[in-house]
Amino acid sequence: MRVVYLDSLLFFELVSDLTLLWAAGKLCQARRRKLRLLAAAGLGAAYALLSLLWPPAASLPGKIVSLSAMLLTAYGREKGLWRPGLAFLALCAVYAGAASAVIWTAGRASLRALVFALGISLGVCALPFRFSGKRGGKARLRLVCGDRSVELTALRDTGNRLREPLSGAPALIAEERALLPLLEPELRTRLTATAGLPAPERLTILGPGFRLLPYRTLGESGLLLAFRPERVYVDGTLCPDIWAALCPGPLRPGDGCAALIGGDE
């Protein structure tokens, strides 16, 4: 019975840590990577087991070390790490309080009570951290290809879920004219010469290096040409594996932004 109990406890600890880490990043619009989050949750579950087998590990210094290791594993040394860190602490605190209240009300601890408490904590913390995030704000982009680079002001749009279909990598959207200096002169000439043609026809002329990204907005859908810059920096932070989709016309005239990025970038 003890082995089954430990197995159940560790599994729920893994799931709850994974959920809280994901929610902390989601609420703060921090970049989330599934494998990193899973590894961080695994560290949390391992620490919970260690605390059971060796009580001194549950001391305040042990908790601080465990929390720091989990956050660094989940989000790395990214700029603004304090945001998901504070969100994770708030979620954990609310979850602990909710779990105690639910267990006290039910008169016993159960998996159903813990799951219910987890849902309560997510709901309570969602509103304030959602509005303190970067939704609707602006970001500074720097795209690099070889010795060429461009800098753009981008609008953060949490509704932007555009992705490259083969790799699943996220894609930003930028005005085509703003990205022309990033391309080699020959490609720049071909891109300019094919302006106005449908995206599939332009792709056959441009050749390797470009792909088609399907998009859908309210009442509109279609295809955008896209390529992958060598490096993309968002507010000075390197964000690997981001594609750049070309918008033939202006995105939002008059707001000073020439690009759109999702809230996760």
Protein backbone atom coordinates (compact mmCIF):
# COMPACT_ATOMS: atom_id res chain seq x y z
CA MET A 1 0.00 0.00 0.00
CA ARG A 2 2.85 2.40 0.78
CA VAL A 3 4.36 1.93 -2.69
CA VAL A 4 1.01 2.67 -4.36
CA TYR A 5 0.59 5.76 -2.17
CA LEU A 6 4.04 7.07 -3.08
CA ASP A 7 3.44 6.38 -6.76
CA SER A 8 0.16 8.29 -6.67
CA LEU A 9 1.69 11.14 -4.70
CA LEU A 10 4.64 11.53 -7.05
CA PHE A 11 2.43 11.38 -10.12
CA PHE A 12 0.10 14.06 -8.78
CA GLU A 13 3.08 16.17 -7.67
CA LEU A 14 4.50 15.96 -11.19
CA VAL A 15 1.16 16.91 -12.78
CA SER A 16 0.46 19.75 -10.35
CA ASP A 17 3.96 21.23 -10.68
CA LEU A 18 3.74 21.00 -14.47
CA THR A 19 0.32 22.70 -14.41
CA LEU A 20 1.44 25.50 -12.08
CA LEU A 21 4.64 26.16 -14.03
CA TRP A 22 2.74 26.25 -17.31
CA ALA A 23 0.06 28.52 -15.83
CA ALA A 24 2.68 30.89 -14.38
CA GLY A 25 4.27 31.33 -17.81
CA LYS A 26 0.90 31.60 -19.52
CA LEU A 27 -0.37 34.28 -17.16
CA CYS A 28 2.80 36.34 -17.63
CA GLN A 29 3.10 35.66 -21.37
CA ALA A 30 6.53 34.07 -20.84
CA ARG A 31 7.96 31.72 -23.43
CA ARG A 32 7.16 28.12 -22.53
CA ARG A 33 8.91 24.98 -23.78
CA LYS A 34 7.25 21.66 -23.04
CA LEU A 35 10.40 19.66 -22.35
CA ARG A 36 11.84 22.32 -20.05
CA LEU A 37 8.58 22.54 -18.11
CA LEU A 38 8.42 18.76 -17.82
CA ALA A 39 12.01 18.60 -16.57
CA ALA A 40 11.28 21.32 -14.00
CA ALA A 41 8.18 19.47 -12.81
CA GLY A 42 10.28 16.33 -12.51
CA LEU A 43 12.68 18.23 -10.23
CA GLY A 44 9.73 19.32 -8.10
CA ALA A 45 8.45 15.75 -7.78
CA ALA A 46 11.95 14.50 -6.91
CA TYR A 47 12.23 17.19 -4.22
CA ALA A 48 8.86 16.17 -2.77
CA LEU A 49 10.07 12.56 -2.53
CA LEU A 50 13.36 13.66 -0.96
CA SER A 51 11.46 15.72 1.62
CA LEU A 52 9.46 12.64 2.62
CA LEU A 53 12.49 10.39 2.91
CA TRP A 54 14.80 13.01 4.46
CA PRO A 55 12.84 15.68 6.41
CA PRO A 56 15.76 18.19 6.68
CA ALA A 57 15.40 18.73 2.92
CA ALA A 58 12.04 20.43 3.62
CA SER A 59 13.79 23.33 5.36
CA LEU A 60 13.53 26.89 4.02
CA PRO A 61 16.98 26.80 2.32
CA GLY A 62 16.03 23.51 0.67
CA LYS A 63 12.79 24.98 -0.63
CA ILE A 64 14.60 28.05 -2.00
CA VAL A 65 17.16 25.88 -3.80
CA SER A 66 14.41 23.65 -5.21
CA LEU A 67 12.33 26.62 -6.39
CA SER A 68 15.34 28.30 -8.03
CA ALA A 69 16.31 25.08 -9.81
CA MET A 70 12.76 24.57 -11.08
CA LEU A 71 12.44 28.13 -12.42
CA LEU A 72 15.84 28.10 -14.10
CA THR A 73 15.06 24.73 -15.67
CA ALA A 74 11.63 25.85 -16.85
CA TYR A 75 12.47 29.31 -18.16
CA GLY A 76 16.26 29.57 -18.25
CA ARG A 77 18.09 32.82 -17.62
CA GLU A 78 15.63 34.88 -19.59
CA LYS A 79 15.11 38.57 -19.04
CA GLY A 80 12.13 39.08 -16.76
CA LEU A 81 12.44 35.69 -15.03
CA TRP A 82 11.00 37.31 -11.90
CA ARG A 83 7.57 37.53 -13.52
CA PRO A 84 6.89 33.79 -13.91
CA GLY A 85 8.75 33.29 -10.63
CA LEU A 86 6.34 35.52 -8.72
CA ALA A 87 3.38 34.04 -10.56
CA PHE A 88 4.51 30.51 -9.65
CA LEU A 89 4.94 31.49 -5.98
CA ALA A 90 1.48 33.08 -5.93
CA LEU A 91 -0.08 30.02 -7.54
CA CYS A 92 1.66 27.69 -5.07
CA ALA A 93 0.55 29.79 -2.09
CA VAL A 94 -3.05 29.96 -3.25
CA TYR A 95 -3.01 26.26 -4.08
CA ALA A 96 -1.71 25.37 -0.61
CA GLY A 97 -4.42 27.49 1.03
CA ALA A 98 -7.15 26.13 -1.23
CA ALA A 99 -6.04 22.55 -0.62
CA SER A 100 -6.10 23.05 3.14
CA ALA A 101 -9.57 24.59 2.98
CA VAL A 102 -10.99 21.89 0.71
CA ILE A 103 -9.49 19.06 2.78
CA TRP A 104 -10.78 20.66 6.01
CA THR A 105 -14.26 21.00 4.50
CA ALA A 106 -14.30 17.46 3.13
CA GLY A 107 -12.85 16.03 6.31
CA ARG A 108 -10.21 14.00 4.49
CA ALA A 109 -7.54 14.28 1.83
CA SER A 110 -8.32 12.87 -1.59
CA LEU A 111 -7.17 13.22 -5.18
CA ARG A 112 -10.48 14.84 -6.09
CA ALA A 113 -10.02 17.46 -3.36
CA LEU A 114 -6.50 18.29 -4.55
CA VAL A 115 -7.61 18.59 -8.18
CA PHE A 116 -10.45 20.87 -7.10
CA ALA A 117 -8.04 23.01 -5.09
CA LEU A 118 -5.69 23.22 -8.09
CA GLY A 119 -8.54 24.54 -10.23
CA ILE A 120 -9.46 27.14 -7.60
CA SER A 121 -5.88 28.41 -7.40
CA LEU A 122 -5.63 28.80 -11.18
CA GLY A 123 -8.89 30.73 -11.30
CA VAL A 124 -8.01 33.04 -8.41
CA CYS A 125 -4.57 33.95 -9.79
CA ALA A 126 -5.56 34.23 -13.44
CA LEU A 127 -7.16 37.67 -13.36
CA PRO A 128 -4.47 39.87 -11.73
CA PHE A 129 -1.52 38.27 -13.48
CA ARG A 130 -3.33 38.27 -16.81
CA PHE A 131 -3.75 42.02 -16.71
CA SER A 132 -0.19 42.56 -15.47
CA GLY A 133 1.23 40.70 -18.47
CA LYS A 134 2.38 42.16 -21.79
CA ARG A 135 -0.82 41.77 -23.69
CA GLY A 136 -1.29 44.64 -26.09
CA GLY A 137 2.17 46.06 -25.36
CA LYS A 138 5.01 46.66 -27.77
CA ALA A 139 8.32 44.88 -28.21
CA ARG A 140 11.55 45.70 -29.98
CA LEU A 141 12.63 43.14 -32.59
CA ARG A 142 16.04 42.61 -34.14
CA LEU A 143 16.27 40.09 -36.98
CA VAL A 144 19.65 38.96 -38.30
CA CYS A 145 20.68 37.15 -41.49
CA GLY A 146 24.41 37.01 -42.10
CA ASP A 147 25.81 40.53 -41.86
CA ARG A 148 22.38 42.09 -42.48
CA SER A 149 19.94 43.04 -39.74
CA VAL A 150 16.75 45.03 -39.28
CA GLU A 151 15.13 46.46 -36.17
CA LEU A 152 11.36 46.76 -35.89
CA THR A 153 8.75 47.72 -33.36
CA ALA A 154 6.25 44.89 -32.91
CA LEU A 155 2.84 44.75 -31.31
CA ARG A 156 2.31 41.87 -28.90
CA ASP A 157 -0.85 39.99 -29.86
CA THR A 158 -1.82 37.04 -27.66
CA GLY A 159 -4.28 36.01 -30.37
CA ASN A 160 -1.45 35.43 -32.85
CA ARG A 161 -1.05 31.65 -33.07
CA LEU A 162 0.64 31.55 -36.47
CA ARG A 163 3.08 28.63 -36.75
CA GLU A 164 5.20 26.96 -39.38
CA PRO A 165 3.19 23.78 -40.11
CA LEU A 166 6.09 21.32 -40.52
CA SER A 167 8.08 22.15 -37.40
CA GLY A 168 5.37 23.78 -35.30
CA ALA A 169 7.73 26.71 -34.63
CA PRO A 170 6.06 30.09 -33.92
CA ALA A 171 6.04 32.80 -36.56
CA LEU A 172 5.99 36.56 -36.32
CA ILE A 173 4.29 38.64 -38.99
CA ALA A 174 6.07 41.66 -40.44
CA GLU A 175 5.44 44.07 -43.28
CA GLU A 176 7.25 42.83 -46.36
CA ARG A 177 8.89 46.14 -47.14
CA ALA A 178 10.36 46.26 -43.61
CA LEU A 179 12.11 42.90 -44.07
CA LEU A 180 13.53 43.53 -47.53
CA PRO A 181 16.92 44.81 -46.19
CA LEU A 182 17.34 41.47 -44.41
CA LEU A 183 17.46 39.49 -47.68
CA GLU A 184 20.23 39.01 -50.19
CA PRO A 185 20.06 41.45 -53.13
CA GLU A 186 18.97 38.76 -55.61
CA LEU A 187 16.15 37.54 -53.39
CA ARG A 188 15.17 41.13 -52.69
CA THR A 189 14.86 41.81 -56.41
CA ARG A 190 12.79 38.67 -57.05
CA LEU A 191 10.52 39.42 -54.10
CA THR A 192 9.89 42.95 -55.31
CA ALA A 193 9.32 41.80 -58.89
CA THR A 194 6.67 39.26 -57.82
CA ALA A 195 4.70 41.67 -55.63
CA GLY A 196 0.98 41.29 -56.29
CA LEU A 197 1.16 37.64 -57.33
CA PRO A 198 -0.49 34.91 -55.22
CA ALA A 199 1.78 33.47 -52.55
CA PRO A 200 2.05 29.96 -54.16
CA GLU A 201 3.23 31.49 -57.45
CA ARG A 202 5.78 33.67 -55.66
CA LEU A 203 7.08 30.60 -53.83
CA THR A 204 7.91 28.80 -57.09
CA ILE A 205 9.85 31.86 -58.27
CA LEU A 206 11.69 32.53 -55.02
CA GLY A 207 12.84 28.94 -54.57
CA PRO A 208 14.30 27.25 -51.46
CA GLY A 209 14.35 29.05 -48.16
CA PHE A 210 10.72 30.16 -48.28
CA ARG A 211 7.60 28.32 -47.17
CA LEU A 212 3.87 28.93 -47.12
CA LEU A 213 2.14 29.53 -43.81
CA PRO A 214 -1.65 29.22 -43.69
CA TYR A 215 -3.43 31.86 -41.64
CA ARG A 216 -6.99 32.54 -40.60
CA THR A 217 -8.53 35.68 -39.15
CA LEU A 218 -12.12 36.78 -38.70
CA GLY A 219 -13.71 36.32 -42.09
CA GLU A 220 -10.42 35.85 -43.92
CA SER A 221 -7.92 33.10 -44.60
CA GLY A 222 -5.02 32.54 -46.95
CA LEU A 223 -1.29 31.87 -47.27
CA LEU A 224 1.72 33.96 -46.33
CA LEU A 225 5.29 33.63 -47.53
CA ALA A 226 7.73 33.02 -44.70
CA PHE A 227 11.43 32.42 -44.10
CA ARG A 228 13.52 31.71 -41.02
CA PRO A 229 16.03 34.40 -40.00
CA GLU A 230 19.30 33.21 -38.52
CA ARG A 231 18.58 34.99 -35.24
CA VAL A 232 15.62 36.84 -33.76
CA TYR A 233 15.92 39.01 -30.65
CA VAL A 234 12.82 40.14 -28.75
CA ASP A 235 13.59 43.00 -26.36
CA GLY A 236 17.24 41.94 -26.44
CA THR A 237 16.54 38.27 -25.68
CA LEU A 238 17.48 35.67 -28.28
CA CYS A 239 14.42 33.63 -29.30
CA PRO A 240 15.46 30.67 -31.47
CA ASP A 241 13.34 28.88 -34.06
CA ILE A 242 11.09 31.77 -35.03
CA TRP A 243 9.88 32.19 -38.60
CA ALA A 244 9.11 35.54 -40.20
CA ALA A 245 5.93 35.73 -42.30
CA LEU A 246 5.68 38.46 -44.91
CA CYS A 247 2.60 40.66 -44.92
CA PRO A 248 2.26 42.31 -48.37
CA GLY A 249 0.63 45.46 -47.00
CA PRO A 250 0.67 47.52 -43.79
CA LEU A 251 -0.38 45.72 -40.63
CA ARG A 252 -1.77 48.52 -38.47
CA PRO A 253 -1.37 51.91 -40.11
CA GLY A 254 -0.54 54.72 -37.74
CA ASP A 255 0.47 52.76 -34.63
CA GLY A 256 4.21 52.76 -35.37
CA CYS A 257 4.43 48.95 -35.49
CA ALA A 258 5.65 47.04 -38.52
CA ALA A 259 5.28 43.56 -37.02
CA LEU A 260 3.10 41.35 -34.85
CA ILE A 261 4.35 38.72 -32.42
CA GLY A 262 2.48 36.32 -30.20
CA GLY A 263 2.38 36.76 -26.46
CA ASP A 264 4.69 33.72 -26.00
CA GLU A 265 7.66 35.21 -27.83
